[in-house]
């Protein structure tokens, strides 16, 4: 199977968590994966994510204690920290002005949507922005992993890390909440197959009885 022949279904079925990696990857491949990840959907198209990319070996070594010494953080050529933007509304004007300039929507529609976004963020407690960012940044995280698989790369999503320590180590502003750490590179060992629950255990038809 070539990278060009891999379908979305194949990427979903072949993606597994990998913890052993080749030490390098081309920057152009990394950029392509990030560009594809950034096409993920988001509420109001606010794109509630930022990708904090760590490739410097010394900096990866500093991340190791924050990830409870999970060695793949050092061994992978890139570590992508998915940041949830809790103040995603601040990008709304830029996004919608560009949408109007590109001819994707009229000024009237853009102003209507901006009129929804700004009061929603202003009139709700901060937890609203946190929850919206957590949900929407997760779309980008999953899309990044599928994009990597489709291009012949491997990943390992990691929620087990010390957030406070990570924020301090990388000087992450309070606007952003680290949701996930993803190691990325060419795997040197295959990830383990995993047992999946059958649909009979996962699907509830219509309502709970």
N, C-alpha and C. Protein backbone atom coordinates (compact mmCIF):
# COMPACT_ATOMS: atom_id res chain seq x y z
N UNK A 1 0.85 -1.19 0.00
CA UNK A 1 0.00 0.00 0.00
C UNK A 1 0.89 1.25 0.00
N UNK A 2 0.70 2.16 -0.95
CA UNK A 2 1.45 3.40 -0.96
C UNK A 2 0.68 4.45 -0.19
N UNK A 3 1.38 5.53 0.16
CA UNK A 3 0.72 6.60 0.89
C UNK A 3 -0.46 7.14 0.10
N UNK A 4 -0.31 7.26 -1.24
CA UNK A 4 -1.35 7.83 -2.07
C UNK A 4 -2.59 6.93 -2.12
N UNK A 5 -2.41 5.65 -1.90
CA UNK A 5 -3.51 4.72 -2.01
C UNK A 5 -4.27 4.53 -0.69
N UNK A 6 -3.74 5.04 0.40
CA UNK A 6 -4.38 4.81 1.69
C UNK A 6 -5.66 5.64 1.80
N UNK A 7 -6.75 4.96 2.05
CA UNK A 7 -8.03 5.63 2.22
C UNK A 7 -8.19 6.07 3.67
N UNK A 8 -9.20 6.90 3.91
CA UNK A 8 -9.49 7.31 5.29
C UNK A 8 -9.79 6.10 6.15
N UNK A 9 -10.53 5.13 5.59
CA UNK A 9 -10.87 3.94 6.34
C UNK A 9 -9.61 3.14 6.70
N UNK A 10 -8.69 3.04 5.75
CA UNK A 10 -7.45 2.31 6.02
C UNK A 10 -6.61 3.02 7.09
N UNK A 11 -6.58 4.35 7.03
CA UNK A 11 -5.82 5.09 8.04
C UNK A 11 -6.41 4.86 9.43
N UNK A 12 -7.73 4.84 9.52
CA UNK A 12 -8.38 4.61 10.81
C UNK A 12 -8.09 3.22 11.35
N UNK A 13 -8.08 2.24 10.46
CA UNK A 13 -7.91 0.86 10.91
C UNK A 13 -6.45 0.50 11.17
N UNK A 14 -5.51 1.20 10.54
CA UNK A 14 -4.10 0.84 10.70
C UNK A 14 -3.38 1.70 11.74
N UNK A 15 -4.01 2.78 12.19
CA UNK A 15 -3.37 3.61 13.20
C UNK A 15 -3.30 2.89 14.53
N UNK A 16 -2.10 2.82 15.08
CA UNK A 16 -1.88 2.28 16.42
C UNK A 16 -0.86 3.15 17.13
N UNK A 17 -0.87 3.12 18.44
CA UNK A 17 0.11 3.88 19.21
C UNK A 17 1.48 3.22 19.11
N UNK A 18 2.48 4.00 18.72
CA UNK A 18 3.84 3.50 18.52
C UNK A 18 4.78 4.28 19.44
N UNK A 19 5.71 3.56 20.06
CA UNK A 19 6.59 4.19 21.05
C UNK A 19 8.07 4.10 20.70
N UNK A 20 8.42 3.50 19.57
CA UNK A 20 9.81 3.42 19.13
C UNK A 20 9.90 4.07 17.75
N UNK A 21 10.87 4.98 17.58
CA UNK A 21 10.90 5.80 16.37
C UNK A 21 12.30 5.92 15.78
N UNK A 22 12.32 6.15 14.47
CA UNK A 22 13.54 6.65 13.83
C UNK A 22 13.78 8.07 14.34
N UNK A 23 15.05 8.52 14.38
CA UNK A 23 15.35 9.79 15.07
C UNK A 23 15.00 11.05 14.30
N UNK A 24 14.77 10.97 12.99
CA UNK A 24 14.55 12.19 12.21
C UNK A 24 13.35 12.04 11.28
N UNK A 25 12.84 13.17 10.82
CA UNK A 25 11.82 13.20 9.78
C UNK A 25 11.97 14.53 9.03
N UNK A 26 11.64 14.55 7.74
CA UNK A 26 11.77 15.80 6.97
C UNK A 26 10.81 16.86 7.47
N UNK A 27 11.27 18.10 7.49
CA UNK A 27 10.44 19.21 7.93
C UNK A 27 9.21 19.36 7.05
N UNK A 28 9.36 19.10 5.74
CA UNK A 28 8.21 19.25 4.85
C UNK A 28 7.10 18.25 5.17
N UNK A 29 7.47 17.06 5.61
CA UNK A 29 6.45 16.08 6.01
C UNK A 29 5.74 16.52 7.28
N UNK A 30 6.51 17.04 8.22
CA UNK A 30 5.93 17.55 9.47
C UNK A 30 4.95 18.68 9.16
N UNK A 31 5.36 19.59 8.28
CA UNK A 31 4.49 20.70 7.92
C UNK A 31 3.20 20.22 7.26
N UNK A 32 3.33 19.21 6.39
CA UNK A 32 2.14 18.70 5.71
C UNK A 32 1.16 18.08 6.70
N UNK A 33 1.66 17.34 7.67
CA UNK A 33 0.81 16.74 8.69
C UNK A 33 0.10 17.82 9.50
N UNK A 34 0.82 18.86 9.86
CA UNK A 34 0.22 19.95 10.63
C UNK A 34 -0.82 20.71 9.81
N UNK A 35 -0.53 20.90 8.53
CA UNK A 35 -1.51 21.58 7.66
C UNK A 35 -2.80 20.77 7.54
N UNK A 36 -2.66 19.46 7.42
CA UNK A 36 -3.85 18.61 7.34
C UNK A 36 -4.61 18.60 8.66
N UNK A 37 -3.87 18.56 9.76
CA UNK A 37 -4.53 18.59 11.07
C UNK A 37 -5.33 19.88 11.25
N UNK A 38 -4.81 20.96 10.71
CA UNK A 38 -5.45 22.26 10.88
C UNK A 38 -6.74 22.41 10.08
N UNK A 39 -7.06 21.43 9.23
CA UNK A 39 -8.33 21.49 8.49
C UNK A 39 -9.47 20.87 9.29
N UNK A 40 -9.22 20.48 10.52
CA UNK A 40 -10.26 19.88 11.36
C UNK A 40 -11.42 20.87 11.56
N UNK A 41 -12.61 20.34 11.81
CA UNK A 41 -13.76 21.23 12.06
C UNK A 41 -13.70 21.85 13.44
N UNK A 42 -14.39 22.97 13.58
CA UNK A 42 -14.49 23.61 14.90
C UNK A 42 -15.73 24.48 14.95
N UNK A 43 -16.24 24.67 16.14
CA UNK A 43 -17.43 25.50 16.33
C UNK A 43 -17.14 26.92 15.87
N UNK A 44 -18.04 27.45 15.04
CA UNK A 44 -17.88 28.79 14.47
C UNK A 44 -16.57 28.96 13.71
N UNK A 45 -15.92 27.86 13.36
CA UNK A 45 -14.62 27.89 12.67
C UNK A 45 -13.58 28.70 13.45
N UNK A 46 -13.65 28.65 14.77
CA UNK A 46 -12.71 29.43 15.57
C UNK A 46 -11.36 28.75 15.71
N UNK A 47 -11.27 27.47 15.33
CA UNK A 47 -9.96 26.77 15.30
C UNK A 47 -9.28 26.88 16.67
N UNK A 48 -9.92 26.22 17.63
CA UNK A 48 -9.54 26.35 19.04
C UNK A 48 -8.26 25.59 19.38
N UNK A 49 -7.28 25.56 18.53
CA UNK A 49 -6.07 24.79 18.79
C UNK A 49 -4.83 25.57 18.34
N UNK A 50 -3.74 25.25 19.00
CA UNK A 50 -2.40 25.64 18.54
C UNK A 50 -1.54 24.40 18.68
N UNK A 51 -0.55 24.28 17.82
CA UNK A 51 0.35 23.14 17.83
C UNK A 51 1.72 23.62 18.34
N UNK A 52 2.06 23.23 19.54
CA UNK A 52 3.38 23.55 20.08
C UNK A 52 4.30 22.39 19.69
N UNK A 53 5.23 22.67 18.79
CA UNK A 53 6.06 21.62 18.18
C UNK A 53 7.45 21.66 18.80
N UNK A 54 7.87 20.54 19.36
CA UNK A 54 9.19 20.43 19.98
C UNK A 54 10.00 19.40 19.22
N UNK A 55 11.08 19.84 18.59
CA UNK A 55 11.96 18.93 17.83
C UNK A 55 13.41 18.97 18.32
N UNK A 56 13.77 20.02 19.03
CA UNK A 56 15.13 20.13 19.55
C UNK A 56 15.37 19.06 20.61
N UNK A 57 16.48 18.34 20.47
CA UNK A 57 16.72 17.21 21.36
C UNK A 57 16.87 17.63 22.82
N UNK A 58 17.53 18.74 23.06
CA UNK A 58 17.68 19.23 24.44
C UNK A 58 16.33 19.58 25.04
N UNK A 59 15.48 20.20 24.22
CA UNK A 59 14.16 20.57 24.73
C UNK A 59 13.28 19.34 24.97
N UNK A 60 13.41 18.34 24.12
CA UNK A 60 12.67 17.10 24.34
C UNK A 60 13.13 16.43 25.64
N UNK A 61 14.42 16.50 25.90
CA UNK A 61 14.95 15.92 27.13
C UNK A 61 14.36 16.62 28.35
N UNK A 62 14.14 17.93 28.24
CA UNK A 62 13.53 18.68 29.33
C UNK A 62 12.06 18.30 29.52
N UNK A 63 11.42 17.85 28.44
CA UNK A 63 10.03 17.44 28.53
C UNK A 63 9.87 16.09 29.23
N UNK A 64 10.93 15.30 29.23
CA UNK A 64 10.83 13.92 29.73
C UNK A 64 10.25 13.85 31.14
N UNK A 65 10.72 14.65 32.10
CA UNK A 65 10.12 14.56 33.45
C UNK A 65 8.65 14.97 33.47
N UNK A 66 8.26 15.91 32.61
CA UNK A 66 6.85 16.33 32.60
C UNK A 66 5.95 15.21 32.08
N UNK A 67 6.52 14.30 31.29
CA UNK A 67 5.77 13.17 30.74
C UNK A 67 6.01 11.90 31.54
N UNK A 68 6.41 12.06 32.79
CA UNK A 68 6.64 10.92 33.69
C UNK A 68 7.61 9.92 33.08
N UNK A 69 8.64 10.48 32.42
CA UNK A 69 9.76 9.69 31.88
C UNK A 69 9.34 8.65 30.84
N UNK A 70 8.34 8.98 30.06
CA UNK A 70 7.97 8.11 28.93
C UNK A 70 8.96 8.36 27.79
N UNK A 71 9.77 7.36 27.50
CA UNK A 71 10.95 7.52 26.66
C UNK A 71 10.63 7.99 25.25
N UNK A 72 9.42 7.71 24.74
CA UNK A 72 9.11 8.11 23.38
C UNK A 72 9.17 9.63 23.18
N UNK A 73 9.05 10.39 24.26
CA UNK A 73 9.14 11.84 24.16
C UNK A 73 10.52 12.26 23.68
N UNK A 74 11.54 11.53 24.09
CA UNK A 74 12.91 11.82 23.67
C UNK A 74 13.24 11.17 22.34
N UNK A 75 12.73 9.97 22.11
CA UNK A 75 13.10 9.20 20.92
C UNK A 75 12.41 9.67 19.65
N UNK A 76 11.20 10.18 19.74
CA UNK A 76 10.48 10.61 18.55
C UNK A 76 11.12 11.89 17.99
N UNK A 77 11.14 12.04 16.67
CA UNK A 77 11.72 13.27 16.11
C UNK A 77 10.92 14.52 16.41
N UNK A 78 9.62 14.37 16.69
CA UNK A 78 8.80 15.54 16.99
C UNK A 78 7.79 15.19 18.09
N UNK A 79 7.59 16.13 18.97
CA UNK A 79 6.54 16.03 19.98
C UNK A 79 5.59 17.21 19.73
N UNK A 80 4.33 16.89 19.50
CA UNK A 80 3.33 17.92 19.24
C UNK A 80 2.46 18.05 20.48
N UNK A 81 2.44 19.22 21.07
CA UNK A 81 1.58 19.47 22.22
C UNK A 81 0.36 20.22 21.71
N UNK A 82 -0.80 19.60 21.86
CA UNK A 82 -2.04 20.21 21.42
C UNK A 82 -2.50 21.18 22.50
N UNK A 83 -2.56 22.44 22.14
CA UNK A 83 -3.00 23.47 23.07
C UNK A 83 -4.43 23.88 22.74
N UNK A 84 -5.29 23.87 23.74
CA UNK A 84 -6.66 24.31 23.58
C UNK A 84 -6.73 25.81 23.87
N UNK A 85 -7.25 26.57 22.90
CA UNK A 85 -7.34 28.02 23.04
C UNK A 85 -8.63 28.38 23.76
N UNK A 86 -8.51 28.75 25.03
CA UNK A 86 -9.68 29.05 25.85
C UNK A 86 -10.28 30.41 25.53
N UNK A 87 -9.57 31.20 24.74
CA UNK A 87 -10.05 32.51 24.31
C UNK A 87 -10.09 32.57 22.79
N UNK A 88 -10.64 31.52 22.19
CA UNK A 88 -10.66 31.40 20.74
C UNK A 88 -11.45 32.52 20.09
N UNK A 89 -12.36 33.13 20.82
CA UNK A 89 -13.15 34.24 20.25
C UNK A 89 -12.28 35.42 19.83
N UNK A 90 -11.09 35.53 20.41
CA UNK A 90 -10.21 36.65 20.06
C UNK A 90 -9.71 36.58 18.62
N UNK A 91 -9.80 35.39 18.00
CA UNK A 91 -9.38 35.24 16.60
C UNK A 91 -10.55 35.43 15.64
N UNK A 92 -11.75 35.66 16.17
CA UNK A 92 -12.95 35.67 15.33
C UNK A 92 -12.91 36.75 14.26
N UNK A 93 -12.53 37.97 14.63
CA UNK A 93 -12.51 39.06 13.65
C UNK A 93 -11.58 38.74 12.49
N UNK A 94 -10.38 38.26 12.81
CA UNK A 94 -9.41 37.93 11.76
C UNK A 94 -9.95 36.83 10.85
N UNK A 95 -10.52 35.79 11.44
CA UNK A 95 -11.02 34.66 10.66
C UNK A 95 -12.15 35.10 9.73
N UNK A 96 -13.09 35.88 10.28
CA UNK A 96 -14.26 36.24 9.47
C UNK A 96 -13.96 37.34 8.47
N UNK A 97 -13.03 38.23 8.79
CA UNK A 97 -12.60 39.22 7.79
C UNK A 97 -11.93 38.53 6.60
N UNK A 98 -11.12 37.53 6.89
CA UNK A 98 -10.47 36.79 5.82
C UNK A 98 -11.49 36.00 5.00
N UNK A 99 -12.51 35.46 5.67
CA UNK A 99 -13.55 34.72 4.96
C UNK A 99 -14.30 35.63 3.99
N UNK A 100 -14.56 36.86 4.41
CA UNK A 100 -15.24 37.82 3.53
C UNK A 100 -14.33 38.19 2.36
N UNK A 101 -13.06 38.45 2.65
CA UNK A 101 -12.11 38.82 1.59
C UNK A 101 -11.94 37.70 0.58
N UNK A 102 -12.02 36.45 1.05
CA UNK A 102 -11.87 35.29 0.15
C UNK A 102 -13.14 35.00 -0.63
N UNK A 103 -14.22 35.68 -0.30
CA UNK A 103 -15.49 35.44 -0.99
C UNK A 103 -16.25 34.24 -0.46
N UNK A 104 -15.87 33.75 0.74
CA UNK A 104 -16.53 32.58 1.32
C UNK A 104 -17.87 32.92 1.96
N UNK A 105 -18.05 34.19 2.31
CA UNK A 105 -19.32 34.62 2.90
C UNK A 105 -19.45 36.12 2.72
N UNK A 106 -20.66 36.60 2.85
CA UNK A 106 -20.89 38.04 2.74
C UNK A 106 -20.54 38.73 4.05
N UNK A 107 -20.36 40.04 3.98
CA UNK A 107 -20.09 40.82 5.18
C UNK A 107 -21.26 40.72 6.15
N UNK A 108 -22.46 40.67 5.62
CA UNK A 108 -23.66 40.60 6.46
C UNK A 108 -23.67 39.31 7.29
N UNK A 109 -23.34 38.19 6.65
CA UNK A 109 -23.31 36.91 7.36
C UNK A 109 -22.18 36.90 8.39
N UNK A 110 -21.03 37.42 8.01
CA UNK A 110 -19.90 37.48 8.94
C UNK A 110 -20.25 38.29 10.18
N UNK A 111 -20.88 39.43 9.97
CA UNK A 111 -21.26 40.27 11.12
C UNK A 111 -22.31 39.58 11.99
N UNK A 112 -23.22 38.84 11.35
CA UNK A 112 -24.22 38.11 12.13
C UNK A 112 -23.56 37.07 13.03
N UNK A 113 -22.59 36.32 12.46
CA UNK A 113 -21.91 35.29 13.24
C UNK A 113 -21.05 35.90 14.34
N UNK A 114 -20.37 36.99 14.03
CA UNK A 114 -19.58 37.67 15.05
C UNK A 114 -20.49 38.18 16.17
N UNK A 115 -21.69 38.55 15.81
CA UNK A 115 -22.66 39.00 16.80
C UNK A 115 -23.15 37.88 17.70
N UNK A 116 -22.95 36.64 17.27
CA UNK A 116 -23.27 35.49 18.12
C UNK A 116 -22.07 35.12 19.01
N UNK A 117 -20.90 35.13 18.39
CA UNK A 117 -19.70 34.64 19.07
C UNK A 117 -19.32 35.52 20.26
N UNK A 118 -19.22 36.80 20.04
CA UNK A 118 -18.69 37.69 21.07
C UNK A 118 -19.55 37.71 22.34
N UNK A 119 -20.88 37.85 22.22
CA UNK A 119 -21.70 37.81 23.45
C UNK A 119 -21.66 36.44 24.14
N UNK A 120 -21.58 35.37 23.35
CA UNK A 120 -21.55 34.04 23.96
C UNK A 120 -20.33 33.89 24.85
N UNK A 121 -19.18 34.33 24.38
CA UNK A 121 -17.97 34.23 25.19
C UNK A 121 -17.98 35.25 26.32
N UNK A 122 -18.51 36.43 26.07
CA UNK A 122 -18.50 37.48 27.09
C UNK A 122 -19.47 37.20 28.22
N UNK A 123 -20.59 36.55 27.93
CA UNK A 123 -21.65 36.39 28.92
C UNK A 123 -21.63 35.05 29.64
N UNK A 124 -20.73 34.18 29.25
CA UNK A 124 -20.61 32.88 29.93
C UNK A 124 -19.37 32.87 30.82
N UNK A 125 -19.37 32.04 31.85
CA UNK A 125 -18.18 31.93 32.70
C UNK A 125 -17.01 31.36 31.93
N UNK A 126 -15.77 31.53 32.42
CA UNK A 126 -14.58 31.03 31.72
C UNK A 126 -14.64 29.54 31.41
N UNK A 127 -15.39 28.79 32.19
CA UNK A 127 -15.49 27.35 31.94
C UNK A 127 -16.04 27.07 30.55
N UNK A 128 -16.88 27.96 30.02
CA UNK A 128 -17.41 27.78 28.67
C UNK A 128 -16.27 27.75 27.65
N UNK A 129 -15.37 28.71 27.74
CA UNK A 129 -14.23 28.76 26.81
C UNK A 129 -13.33 27.56 26.96
N UNK A 130 -13.14 27.13 28.20
CA UNK A 130 -12.30 25.95 28.46
C UNK A 130 -12.92 24.71 27.83
N UNK A 131 -14.22 24.50 28.06
CA UNK A 131 -14.88 23.31 27.54
C UNK A 131 -14.91 23.31 26.02
N UNK A 132 -15.22 24.47 25.43
CA UNK A 132 -15.26 24.56 23.97
C UNK A 132 -13.88 24.27 23.38
N UNK A 133 -12.85 24.79 24.01
CA UNK A 133 -11.49 24.57 23.51
C UNK A 133 -11.07 23.11 23.64
N UNK A 134 -11.44 22.48 24.75
CA UNK A 134 -11.09 21.08 24.96
C UNK A 134 -11.74 20.19 23.91
N UNK A 135 -13.03 20.42 23.65
CA UNK A 135 -13.75 19.62 22.66
C UNK A 135 -13.17 19.82 21.26
N UNK A 136 -13.04 21.07 20.87
CA UNK A 136 -12.66 21.36 19.49
C UNK A 136 -11.19 21.06 19.20
N UNK A 137 -10.31 21.26 20.17
CA UNK A 137 -8.90 20.92 19.94
C UNK A 137 -8.71 19.42 19.80
N UNK A 138 -9.63 18.64 20.38
CA UNK A 138 -9.55 17.19 20.26
C UNK A 138 -9.79 16.74 18.81
N UNK A 139 -10.61 17.50 18.07
CA UNK A 139 -10.79 17.17 16.65
C UNK A 139 -9.46 17.28 15.91
N UNK A 140 -8.72 18.34 16.19
CA UNK A 140 -7.44 18.55 15.51
C UNK A 140 -6.43 17.48 15.91
N UNK A 141 -6.47 17.06 17.17
CA UNK A 141 -5.54 16.02 17.63
C UNK A 141 -5.78 14.71 16.87
N UNK A 142 -7.04 14.31 16.77
CA UNK A 142 -7.34 13.07 16.05
C UNK A 142 -7.00 13.19 14.58
N UNK A 143 -7.30 14.35 13.99
CA UNK A 143 -7.00 14.53 12.57
C UNK A 143 -5.50 14.50 12.32
N UNK A 144 -4.72 15.03 13.25
CA UNK A 144 -3.27 14.98 13.12
C UNK A 144 -2.78 13.53 13.07
N UNK A 145 -3.32 12.70 13.96
CA UNK A 145 -2.88 11.30 14.00
C UNK A 145 -3.27 10.55 12.74
N UNK A 146 -4.46 10.82 12.21
CA UNK A 146 -4.88 10.16 10.98
C UNK A 146 -4.08 10.66 9.79
N UNK A 147 -3.78 11.96 9.76
CA UNK A 147 -2.96 12.50 8.68
C UNK A 147 -1.57 11.87 8.70
N UNK A 148 -1.01 11.71 9.89
CA UNK A 148 0.31 11.09 10.01
C UNK A 148 0.27 9.66 9.49
N UNK A 149 -0.73 8.91 9.88
CA UNK A 149 -0.86 7.52 9.41
C UNK A 149 -0.97 7.47 7.90
N UNK A 150 -1.79 8.33 7.32
CA UNK A 150 -1.98 8.34 5.87
C UNK A 150 -0.70 8.65 5.12
N UNK A 151 0.21 9.40 5.75
CA UNK A 151 1.47 9.77 5.12
C UNK A 151 2.62 8.84 5.51
N UNK A 152 2.28 7.74 6.18
CA UNK A 152 3.30 6.75 6.50
C UNK A 152 4.04 6.98 7.80
N UNK A 153 3.49 7.82 8.68
CA UNK A 153 4.12 8.10 9.97
C UNK A 153 3.30 7.49 11.10
N UNK A 154 3.89 7.48 12.28
CA UNK A 154 3.25 6.89 13.45
C UNK A 154 3.16 7.92 14.57
N UNK A 155 2.25 7.68 15.48
CA UNK A 155 2.03 8.60 16.59
C UNK A 155 1.72 7.84 17.87
N UNK A 156 1.81 8.56 18.96
CA UNK A 156 1.34 8.02 20.24
C UNK A 156 0.72 9.18 21.03
N UNK A 157 -0.60 9.17 21.21
CA UNK A 157 -1.23 10.22 22.01
C UNK A 157 -0.98 9.97 23.49
N UNK A 158 -0.69 11.04 24.21
CA UNK A 158 -0.35 10.92 25.62
C UNK A 158 -1.12 11.96 26.42
N UNK A 159 -1.97 11.48 27.33
CA UNK A 159 -2.64 12.38 28.26
C UNK A 159 -1.96 12.33 29.62
N UNK A 160 -1.05 11.39 29.80
CA UNK A 160 -0.36 11.24 31.07
C UNK A 160 0.87 12.12 31.15
N UNK A 161 0.66 13.35 31.56
CA UNK A 161 1.78 14.27 31.78
C UNK A 161 1.37 15.29 32.84
N UNK A 162 2.36 15.93 33.44
CA UNK A 162 2.11 16.91 34.48
C UNK A 162 1.89 18.27 33.82
N UNK A 163 0.63 18.69 33.76
CA UNK A 163 0.30 19.92 33.03
C UNK A 163 0.96 21.15 33.64
N UNK A 164 0.93 21.27 34.94
CA UNK A 164 1.53 22.44 35.58
C UNK A 164 3.02 22.52 35.28
N UNK A 165 3.68 21.38 35.34
CA UNK A 165 5.11 21.34 35.06
C UNK A 165 5.39 21.65 33.60
N UNK A 166 4.54 21.14 32.71
CA UNK A 166 4.70 21.40 31.28
C UNK A 166 4.51 22.89 30.98
N UNK A 167 3.47 23.48 31.55
CA UNK A 167 3.21 24.91 31.35
C UNK A 167 4.40 25.74 31.80
N UNK A 168 4.96 25.40 32.94
CA UNK A 168 6.11 26.15 33.45
C UNK A 168 7.34 25.95 32.58
N UNK A 169 7.59 24.72 32.16
CA UNK A 169 8.78 24.41 31.37
C UNK A 169 8.77 25.12 30.02
N UNK A 170 7.59 25.18 29.39
CA UNK A 170 7.51 25.76 28.05
C UNK A 170 6.92 27.16 28.04
N UNK A 171 6.70 27.72 29.21
CA UNK A 171 6.22 29.10 29.32
C UNK A 171 4.91 29.31 28.56
N UNK A 172 3.99 28.37 28.71
CA UNK A 172 2.71 28.42 27.99
C UNK A 172 1.80 29.45 28.64
N UNK A 173 1.28 30.41 27.87
CA UNK A 173 0.40 31.44 28.43
C UNK A 173 -0.89 30.83 28.99
N UNK A 174 -1.51 31.53 29.93
CA UNK A 174 -2.71 31.02 30.59
C UNK A 174 -3.89 30.88 29.62
N UNK A 175 -3.84 31.56 28.50
CA UNK A 175 -4.90 31.43 27.49
C UNK A 175 -5.04 30.00 26.99
N UNK A 176 -3.94 29.23 27.04
CA UNK A 176 -3.93 27.90 26.45
C UNK A 176 -3.86 26.82 27.52
N UNK A 177 -4.57 25.73 27.23
CA UNK A 177 -4.60 24.56 28.12
C UNK A 177 -4.06 23.36 27.35
N UNK A 178 -2.96 22.75 27.81
CA UNK A 178 -2.41 21.58 27.10
C UNK A 178 -3.35 20.37 27.26
N UNK A 179 -3.91 19.93 26.14
CA UNK A 179 -4.86 18.81 26.21
C UNK A 179 -4.18 17.47 25.97
N UNK A 180 -3.13 17.48 25.14
CA UNK A 180 -2.55 16.20 24.75
C UNK A 180 -1.13 16.42 24.24
N UNK A 181 -0.32 15.41 24.45
CA UNK A 181 1.03 15.37 23.91
C UNK A 181 1.05 14.21 22.91
N UNK A 182 1.52 14.48 21.70
CA UNK A 182 1.55 13.44 20.67
C UNK A 182 2.97 13.29 20.13
N UNK A 183 3.53 12.11 20.27
CA UNK A 183 4.82 11.85 19.66
C UNK A 183 4.59 11.45 18.20
N UNK A 184 5.52 11.85 17.33
CA UNK A 184 5.33 11.70 15.89
C UNK A 184 6.64 11.32 15.23
N UNK A 185 6.59 10.34 14.35
CA UNK A 185 7.77 9.94 13.58
C UNK A 185 7.53 8.61 12.88
N UNK A 186 8.57 8.11 12.23
CA UNK A 186 8.51 6.79 11.61
C UNK A 186 8.78 5.73 12.67
N UNK A 187 7.83 4.87 12.88
CA UNK A 187 8.01 3.84 13.90
C UNK A 187 9.02 2.78 13.48
N UNK A 188 9.78 2.30 14.45
CA UNK A 188 10.71 1.20 14.20
C UNK A 188 10.13 -0.12 14.68
N UNK A 189 9.04 -0.05 15.42
CA UNK A 189 8.30 -1.24 15.83
C UNK A 189 6.82 -0.98 15.62
N UNK A 190 6.09 -2.00 15.24
CA UNK A 190 4.66 -1.83 15.04
C UNK A 190 3.94 -1.67 16.38
N UNK A 191 2.88 -0.89 16.35
CA UNK A 191 2.05 -0.78 17.53
C UNK A 191 1.24 -2.05 17.72
N UNK A 192 0.84 -2.30 18.94
CA UNK A 192 0.08 -3.51 19.24
C UNK A 192 -1.36 -3.37 18.76
N UNK A 193 -1.90 -4.45 18.21
CA UNK A 193 -3.33 -4.49 17.93
C UNK A 193 -4.08 -4.42 19.26
N UNK A 194 -5.26 -3.86 19.21
CA UNK A 194 -6.05 -3.74 20.44
C UNK A 194 -7.44 -4.30 20.22
N UNK A 195 -8.01 -4.82 21.29
CA UNK A 195 -9.36 -5.37 21.24
C UNK A 195 -10.35 -4.22 21.31
N UNK A 196 -11.34 -4.26 20.43
CA UNK A 196 -12.37 -3.23 20.41
C UNK A 196 -13.72 -3.84 20.79
N UNK A 197 -14.47 -3.12 21.58
CA UNK A 197 -15.79 -3.60 21.95
C UNK A 197 -16.68 -3.68 20.71
N UNK A 198 -17.55 -4.66 20.65
CA UNK A 198 -18.47 -4.76 19.51
C UNK A 198 -19.52 -3.67 19.57
N UNK A 199 -20.12 -3.39 18.43
CA UNK A 199 -21.15 -2.36 18.38
C UNK A 199 -22.30 -2.66 19.33
N UNK A 200 -22.54 -3.94 19.58
CA UNK A 200 -23.62 -4.30 20.50
C UNK A 200 -23.38 -3.74 21.91
N UNK A 201 -22.10 -3.49 22.25
CA UNK A 201 -21.76 -2.91 23.55
C UNK A 201 -21.65 -1.39 23.48
N UNK A 202 -21.46 -0.86 22.30
CA UNK A 202 -21.17 0.56 22.16
C UNK A 202 -22.36 1.42 21.75
N UNK A 203 -23.31 0.82 21.05
CA UNK A 203 -24.40 1.59 20.45
C UNK A 203 -25.67 1.45 21.27
N UNK A 204 -26.23 2.57 21.65
CA UNK A 204 -27.53 2.58 22.32
C UNK A 204 -28.55 3.06 21.29
N UNK A 205 -29.54 2.27 21.03
CA UNK A 205 -30.53 2.60 20.01
C UNK A 205 -31.63 3.49 20.57
N UNK A 206 -31.68 4.67 20.06
CA UNK A 206 -32.75 5.64 20.34
C UNK A 206 -32.70 6.25 21.75
N UNK A 207 -32.72 5.43 22.81
CA UNK A 207 -32.75 5.95 24.17
C UNK A 207 -32.44 4.83 25.16
N UNK A 208 -32.05 5.22 26.36
CA UNK A 208 -31.89 4.24 27.43
C UNK A 208 -33.25 3.83 27.96
N UNK A 209 -33.39 2.55 28.23
CA UNK A 209 -34.66 2.05 28.78
C UNK A 209 -34.71 2.23 30.29
